[in-house]
């Protein structure tokens, strides 16, 4: 999945698959996680959030099925 680099102290890049509703986030510590069943509206809101880390913690973390990518 193609990820876009972002400006954040915790998140390095973000990708989204519209067909599968999968959000992929690479954190600055280089770990990558996929979040399934994420609506496109949540992805758009994340990309427009003033604080990506704060939005992630309040609206994504622990809310969607998650898997770590090797």
PDB file of N, CA and C in Angstrom:
ATOM      1  N   UNK A   1       0.848  -1.176   0.000  1.00  0.00           N
ATOM      2  CA  UNK A   1       0.000   0.000   0.000  1.00  0.00           C
ATOM      3  C   UNK A   1       0.891   1.237   0.000  1.00  0.00           C
ATOM      4  N   UNK A   2       0.552   2.192  -0.819  1.00  0.00           N
ATOM      5  CA  UNK A   2       1.294   3.459  -0.863  1.00  0.00           C
ATOM      6  C   UNK A   2       0.907   4.309   0.343  1.00  0.00           C
ATOM      7  N   UNK A   3       1.911   4.785   1.055  1.00  0.00           N
ATOM      8  CA  UNK A   3       1.662   5.682   2.190  1.00  0.00           C
ATOM      9  C   UNK A   3       2.224   7.058   1.868  1.00  0.00           C
ATOM     10  N   UNK A   4       1.561   8.067   2.395  1.00  0.00           N
ATOM     11  CA  UNK A   4       1.966   9.454   2.222  1.00  0.00           C
ATOM     12  C   UNK A   4       2.660   9.929   3.489  1.00  0.00           C
ATOM     13  N   UNK A   5       3.832  10.529   3.334  1.00  0.00           N
ATOM     14  CA  UNK A   5       4.540  11.091   4.486  1.00  0.00           C
ATOM     15  C   UNK A   5       3.715  12.224   5.077  1.00  0.00           C
ATOM     16  N   UNK A   6       3.705  12.309   6.411  1.00  0.00           N
ATOM     17  CA  UNK A   6       2.944  13.349   7.103  1.00  0.00           C
ATOM     18  C   UNK A   6       3.845  14.038   8.121  1.00  0.00           C
ATOM     19  N   UNK A   7       3.419  15.210   8.536  1.00  0.00           N
ATOM     20  CA  UNK A   7       4.155  15.979   9.536  1.00  0.00           C
ATOM     21  C   UNK A   7       3.534  15.729  10.911  1.00  0.00           C
ATOM     22  N   UNK A   8       4.209  14.916  11.704  1.00  0.00           N
ATOM     23  CA  UNK A   8       3.699  14.546  13.017  1.00  0.00           C
ATOM     24  C   UNK A   8       4.863  14.070  13.869  1.00  0.00           C
ATOM     25  N   UNK A   9       4.758  14.259  15.163  1.00  0.00           N
ATOM     26  CA  UNK A   9       5.817  13.782  16.054  1.00  0.00           C
ATOM     27  C   UNK A   9       5.675  12.287  16.351  1.00  0.00           C
ATOM     28  N   UNK A  10       4.533  11.694  16.015  1.00  0.00           N
ATOM     29  CA  UNK A  10       4.324  10.267  16.300  1.00  0.00           C
ATOM     30  C   UNK A  10       4.078   9.422  15.059  1.00  0.00           C
ATOM     31  N   UNK A  11       3.544  10.019  13.991  1.00  0.00           N
ATOM     32  CA  UNK A  11       3.183   9.272  12.784  1.00  0.00           C
ATOM     33  C   UNK A  11       4.071   9.723  11.629  1.00  0.00           C
ATOM     34  N   UNK A  12       4.690   8.746  10.936  1.00  0.00           N
ATOM     35  CA  UNK A  12       5.586   9.056   9.817  1.00  0.00           C
ATOM     36  C   UNK A  12       4.840   9.100   8.489  1.00  0.00           C
ATOM     37  N   UNK A  13       3.908   8.142   8.277  1.00  0.00           N
ATOM     38  CA  UNK A  13       3.186   8.097   7.009  1.00  0.00           C
ATOM     39  C   UNK A  13       1.853   7.396   7.181  1.00  0.00           C
ATOM     40  N   UNK A  14       0.935   7.704   6.252  1.00  0.00           N
ATOM     41  CA  UNK A  14      -0.415   7.164   6.310  1.00  0.00           C
ATOM     42  C   UNK A  14      -0.839   6.731   4.906  1.00  0.00           C
ATOM     43  N   UNK A  15      -1.448   5.544   4.819  1.00  0.00           N
ATOM     44  CA  UNK A  15      -2.015   5.073   3.561  1.00  0.00           C
ATOM     45  C   UNK A  15      -3.436   4.604   3.794  1.00  0.00           C
ATOM     46  N   UNK A  16      -4.224   4.573   2.716  1.00  0.00           N
ATOM     47  CA  UNK A  16      -5.609   4.130   2.851  1.00  0.00           C
ATOM     48  C   UNK A  16      -6.036   3.416   1.575  1.00  0.00           C
ATOM     49  N   UNK A  17      -6.666   2.258   1.729  1.00  0.00           N
ATOM     50  CA  UNK A  17      -7.228   1.492   0.620  1.00  0.00           C
ATOM     51  C   UNK A  17      -8.740   1.676   0.650  1.00  0.00           C
ATOM     52  N   UNK A  18      -9.273   2.449  -0.298  1.00  0.00           N
ATOM     53  CA  UNK A  18     -10.704   2.768  -0.320  1.00  0.00           C
ATOM     54  C   UNK A  18     -11.581   1.539  -0.551  1.00  0.00           C
ATOM     55  N   UNK A  19     -11.107   0.615  -1.374  1.00  0.00           N
ATOM     56  CA  UNK A  19     -11.911  -0.580  -1.682  1.00  0.00           C
ATOM     57  C   UNK A  19     -12.010  -1.523  -0.489  1.00  0.00           C
ATOM     58  N   UNK A  20     -10.927  -1.656   0.246  1.00  0.00           N
ATOM     59  CA  UNK A  20     -10.879  -2.585   1.378  1.00  0.00           C
ATOM     60  C   UNK A  20     -11.153  -1.913   2.714  1.00  0.00           C
ATOM     61  N   UNK A  21     -11.191  -0.582   2.733  1.00  0.00           N
ATOM     62  CA  UNK A  21     -11.385   0.191   3.977  1.00  0.00           C
ATOM     63  C   UNK A  21     -10.307  -0.130   5.004  1.00  0.00           C
ATOM     64  N   UNK A  22      -9.065  -0.150   4.512  1.00  0.00           N
ATOM     65  CA  UNK A  22      -7.913  -0.446   5.370  1.00  0.00           C
ATOM     66  C   UNK A  22      -7.043   0.805   5.476  1.00  0.00           C
ATOM     67  N   UNK A  23      -6.783   1.203   6.701  1.00  0.00           N
ATOM     68  CA  UNK A  23      -5.899   2.326   7.001  1.00  0.00           C
ATOM     69  C   UNK A  23      -4.565   1.754   7.456  1.00  0.00           C
ATOM     70  N   UNK A  24      -3.477   2.234   6.869  1.00  0.00           N
ATOM     71  CA  UNK A  24      -2.154   1.758   7.259  1.00  0.00           C
ATOM     72  C   UNK A  24      -1.365   2.945   7.784  1.00  0.00           C
ATOM     73  N   UNK A  25      -0.817   2.785   8.961  1.00  0.00           N
ATOM     74  CA  UNK A  25      -0.066   3.861   9.605  1.00  0.00           C
ATOM     75  C   UNK A  25       1.329   3.377   9.967  1.00  0.00           C
ATOM     76  N   UNK A  26       2.327   4.146   9.540  1.00  0.00           N
ATOM     77  CA  UNK A  26       3.709   3.917   9.955  1.00  0.00           C
ATOM     78  C   UNK A  26       4.029   4.967  11.004  1.00  0.00           C
ATOM     79  N   UNK A  27       4.458   4.502  12.156  1.00  0.00           N
ATOM     80  CA  UNK A  27       4.814   5.403  13.244  1.00  0.00           C
ATOM     81  C   UNK A  27       6.290   5.788  13.134  1.00  0.00           C
ATOM     82  N   UNK A  28       6.686   6.831  13.836  1.00  0.00           N
ATOM     83  CA  UNK A  28       8.065   7.301  13.742  1.00  0.00           C
ATOM     84  C   UNK A  28       9.070   6.268  14.258  1.00  0.00           C
ATOM     85  N   UNK A  29       8.621   5.317  15.063  1.00  0.00           N
ATOM     86  CA  UNK A  29       9.516   4.252  15.530  1.00  0.00           C
ATOM     87  C   UNK A  29       9.636   3.134  14.498  1.00  0.00           C
ATOM     88  N   UNK A  30       9.071   3.361  13.292  1.00  0.00           N
ATOM     89  CA  UNK A  30       9.128   2.476  12.127  1.00  0.00           C
ATOM     90  C   UNK A  30       8.196   1.273  12.215  1.00  0.00           C
ATOM     91  N   UNK A  31       7.378   1.159  13.251  1.00  0.00           N
ATOM     92  CA  UNK A  31       6.379   0.090  13.278  1.00  0.00           C
ATOM     93  C   UNK A  31       5.218   0.494  12.373  1.00  0.00           C
ATOM     94  N   UNK A  32       4.619  -0.517  11.721  1.00  0.00           N
ATOM     95  CA  UNK A  32       3.521  -0.279  10.785  1.00  0.00           C
ATOM     96  C   UNK A  32       2.326  -1.114  11.227  1.00  0.00           C
ATOM     97  N   UNK A  33       1.168  -0.475  11.274  1.00  0.00           N
ATOM     98  CA  UNK A  33      -0.058  -1.162  11.659  1.00  0.00           C
ATOM     99  C   UNK A  33      -1.130  -0.931  10.616  1.00  0.00           C
ATOM    100  N   UNK A  34      -1.978  -1.951  10.419  1.00  0.00           N
ATOM    101  CA  UNK A  34      -3.145  -1.839   9.550  1.00  0.00           C
ATOM    102  C   UNK A  34      -4.398  -1.896  10.400  1.00  0.00           C
ATOM    103  N   UNK A  35      -5.305  -0.989  10.109  1.00  0.00           N
ATOM    104  CA  UNK A  35      -6.586  -0.887  10.816  1.00  0.00           C
ATOM    105  C   UNK A  35      -7.677  -1.180   9.793  1.00  0.00           C
ATOM    106  N   UNK A  36      -8.447  -2.238  10.022  1.00  0.00           N
ATOM    107  CA  UNK A  36      -9.483  -2.661   9.079  1.00  0.00           C
ATOM    108  C   UNK A  36     -10.831  -2.051   9.432  1.00  0.00           C
ATOM    109  N   UNK A  37     -11.693  -1.975   8.414  1.00  0.00           N
ATOM    110  CA  UNK A  37     -13.074  -1.484   8.549  1.00  0.00           C
ATOM    111  C   UNK A  37     -13.136   0.003   8.902  1.00  0.00           C
ATOM    112  N   UNK A  38     -12.125   0.750   8.493  1.00  0.00           N
ATOM    113  CA  UNK A  38     -12.085   2.186   8.774  1.00  0.00           C
ATOM    114  C   UNK A  38     -12.819   2.920   7.650  1.00  0.00           C
ATOM    115  N   UNK A  39     -13.875   3.652   7.967  1.00  0.00           N
ATOM    116  CA  UNK A  39     -14.589   4.400   6.927  1.00  0.00           C
ATOM    117  C   UNK A  39     -13.706   5.465   6.280  1.00  0.00           C
ATOM    118  N   UNK A  40     -13.971   5.740   5.020  1.00  0.00           N
ATOM    119  CA  UNK A  40     -13.209   6.757   4.310  1.00  0.00           C
ATOM    120  C   UNK A  40     -13.326   8.112   4.990  1.00  0.00           C
ATOM    121  N   UNK A  41     -14.473   8.385   5.601  1.00  0.00           N
ATOM    122  CA  UNK A  41     -14.670   9.664   6.293  1.00  0.00           C
ATOM    123  C   UNK A  41     -13.698   9.817   7.462  1.00  0.00           C
ATOM    124  N   UNK A  42     -13.366   8.718   8.125  1.00  0.00           N
ATOM    125  CA  UNK A  42     -12.407   8.770   9.234  1.00  0.00           C
ATOM    126  C   UNK A  42     -11.007   9.049   8.687  1.00  0.00           C
ATOM    127  N   UNK A  43     -10.668   8.426   7.568  1.00  0.00           N
ATOM    128  CA  UNK A  43      -9.374   8.690   6.944  1.00  0.00           C
ATOM    129  C   UNK A  43      -9.261  10.159   6.550  1.00  0.00           C
ATOM    130  N   UNK A  44     -10.292  10.704   5.919  1.00  0.00           N
ATOM    131  CA  UNK A  44     -10.275  12.116   5.523  1.00  0.00           C
ATOM    132  C   UNK A  44     -10.141  13.031   6.739  1.00  0.00           C
ATOM    133  N   UNK A  45     -10.869  12.712   7.795  1.00  0.00           N
ATOM    134  CA  UNK A  45     -10.797  13.521   9.017  1.00  0.00           C
ATOM    135  C   UNK A  45      -9.402  13.449   9.631  1.00  0.00           C
ATOM    136  N   UNK A  46      -8.797  12.270   9.615  1.00  0.00           N
ATOM    137  CA  UNK A  46      -7.438  12.110  10.132  1.00  0.00           C
ATOM    138  C   UNK A  46      -6.475  12.991   9.350  1.00  0.00           C
ATOM    139  N   UNK A  47      -6.555  12.934   8.015  1.00  0.00           N
ATOM    140  CA  UNK A  47      -5.626  13.693   7.188  1.00  0.00           C
ATOM    141  C   UNK A  47      -5.807  15.200   7.355  1.00  0.00           C
ATOM    142  N   UNK A  48      -6.977  15.640   7.776  1.00  0.00           N
ATOM    143  CA  UNK A  48      -7.224  17.058   7.970  1.00  0.00           C
ATOM    144  C   UNK A  48      -7.125  17.523   9.408  1.00  0.00           C
ATOM    145  N   UNK A  49      -6.801  16.605  10.306  1.00  0.00           N
ATOM    146  CA  UNK A  49      -6.760  16.940  11.733  1.00  0.00           C
ATOM    147  C   UNK A  49      -5.555  17.828  12.058  1.00  0.00           C
ATOM    148  N   UNK A  50      -5.732  18.797  12.958  1.00  0.00           N
ATOM    149  CA  UNK A  50      -4.609  19.642  13.360  1.00  0.00           C
ATOM    150  C   UNK A  50      -3.514  18.848  14.088  1.00  0.00           C
ATOM    151  N   UNK A  51      -3.900  17.775  14.788  1.00  0.00           N
ATOM    152  CA  UNK A  51      -2.936  16.904  15.464  1.00  0.00           C
ATOM    153  C   UNK A  51      -3.247  15.463  15.082  1.00  0.00           C
ATOM    154  N   UNK A  52      -2.395  14.877  14.243  1.00  0.00           N
ATOM    155  CA  UNK A  52      -2.620  13.502  13.795  1.00  0.00           C
ATOM    156  C   UNK A  52      -2.566  12.526  14.970  1.00  0.00           C
ATOM    157  N   UNK A  53      -1.607  12.709  15.856  1.00  0.00           N
ATOM    158  CA  UNK A  53      -1.472  11.816  17.002  1.00  0.00           C
ATOM    159  C   UNK A  53      -2.675  11.864  17.922  1.00  0.00           C
ATOM    160  N   UNK A  54      -3.168  13.052  18.187  1.00  0.00           N
ATOM    161  CA  UNK A  54      -4.336  13.209  19.058  1.00  0.00           C
ATOM    162  C   UNK A  54      -5.576  12.586  18.404  1.00  0.00           C
ATOM    163  N   UNK A  55      -5.759  12.825  17.093  1.00  0.00           N
ATOM    164  CA  UNK A  55      -6.894  12.247  16.383  1.00  0.00           C
ATOM    165  C   UNK A  55      -6.798  10.718  16.398  1.00  0.00           C
ATOM    166  N   UNK A  56      -5.605  10.203  16.121  1.00  0.00           N
ATOM    167  CA  UNK A  56      -5.405   8.751  16.133  1.00  0.00           C
ATOM    168  C   UNK A  56      -5.782   8.169  17.492  1.00  0.00           C
ATOM    169  N   UNK A  57      -5.297   8.777  18.559  1.00  0.00           N
ATOM    170  CA  UNK A  57      -5.569   8.248  19.900  1.00  0.00           C
ATOM    171  C   UNK A  57      -7.046   8.292  20.268  1.00  0.00           C
ATOM    172  N   UNK A  58      -7.751   9.313  19.821  1.00  0.00           N
ATOM    173  CA  UNK A  58      -9.148   9.448  20.222  1.00  0.00           C
ATOM    174  C   UNK A  58     -10.140   8.780  19.281  1.00  0.00           C
ATOM    175  N   UNK A  59      -9.784   8.625  17.995  1.00  0.00           N
ATOM    176  CA  UNK A  59     -10.770   8.146  17.032  1.00  0.00           C
ATOM    177  C   UNK A  59     -10.422   6.837  16.325  1.00  0.00           C
ATOM    178  N   UNK A  60      -9.164   6.373  16.457  1.00  0.00           N
ATOM    179  CA  UNK A  60      -8.757   5.168  15.714  1.00  0.00           C
ATOM    180  C   UNK A  60      -8.214   4.084  16.643  1.00  0.00           C
ATOM    181  N   UNK A  61      -7.294   4.442  17.486  1.00  0.00           N
ATOM    182  CA  UNK A  61      -6.646   3.465  18.380  1.00  0.00           C
ATOM    183  C   UNK A  61      -7.687   2.725  19.214  1.00  0.00           C
ATOM    184  N   UNK A  62      -7.571   1.405  19.258  1.00  0.00           N
ATOM    185  CA  UNK A  62      -8.446   0.515  20.037  1.00  0.00           C
ATOM    186  C   UNK A  62      -9.907   0.535  19.570  1.00  0.00           C
ATOM    187  N   UNK A  63     -10.179   1.041  18.352  1.00  0.00           N
ATOM    188  CA  UNK A  63     -11.559   1.088  17.849  1.00  0.00           C
ATOM    189  C   UNK A  63     -11.783   0.201  16.633  1.00  0.00           C
ATOM    190  N   UNK A  64     -10.698  -0.206  15.968  1.00  0.00           N
ATOM    191  CA  UNK A  64     -10.807  -0.996  14.745  1.00  0.00           C
ATOM    192  C   UNK A  64      -9.926  -2.231  14.853  1.00  0.00           C
ATOM    193  N   UNK A  65     -10.319  -3.308  14.140  1.00  0.00           N
ATOM    194  CA  UNK A  65      -9.447  -4.497  14.120  1.00  0.00           C
ATOM    195  C   UNK A  65      -8.063  -4.112  13.603  1.00  0.00           C
ATOM    196  N   UNK A  66      -7.042  -4.541  14.316  1.00  0.00           N
ATOM    197  CA  UNK A  66      -5.671  -4.089  14.054  1.00  0.00           C
ATOM    198  C   UNK A  66      -4.727  -5.248  13.874  1.00  0.00           C
ATOM    199  N   UNK A  67      -3.769  -5.069  12.960  1.00  0.00           N
ATOM    200  CA  UNK A  67      -2.683  -6.042  12.831  1.00  0.00           C
ATOM    201  C   UNK A  67      -1.383  -5.301  12.574  1.00  0.00           C
ATOM    202  N   UNK A  68      -0.315  -5.808  13.164  1.00  0.00           N
ATOM    203  CA  UNK A  68       1.004  -5.225  12.916  1.00  0.00           C
ATOM    204  C   UNK A  68       1.557  -5.841  11.640  1.00  0.00           C
ATOM    205  N   UNK A  69       2.181  -5.003  10.814  1.00  0.00           N
ATOM    206  CA  UNK A  69       2.765  -5.447   9.552  1.00  0.00           C
ATOM    207  C   UNK A  69       4.252  -5.635   9.785  1.00  0.00           C
ATOM    208  N   UNK A  70       4.797  -6.740   9.310  1.00  0.00           N
ATOM    209  CA  UNK A  70       6.231  -7.019   9.480  1.00  0.00           C
ATOM    210  C   UNK A  70       7.080  -6.200   8.554  1.00  0.00           C
TER     211      UNK A  70
END
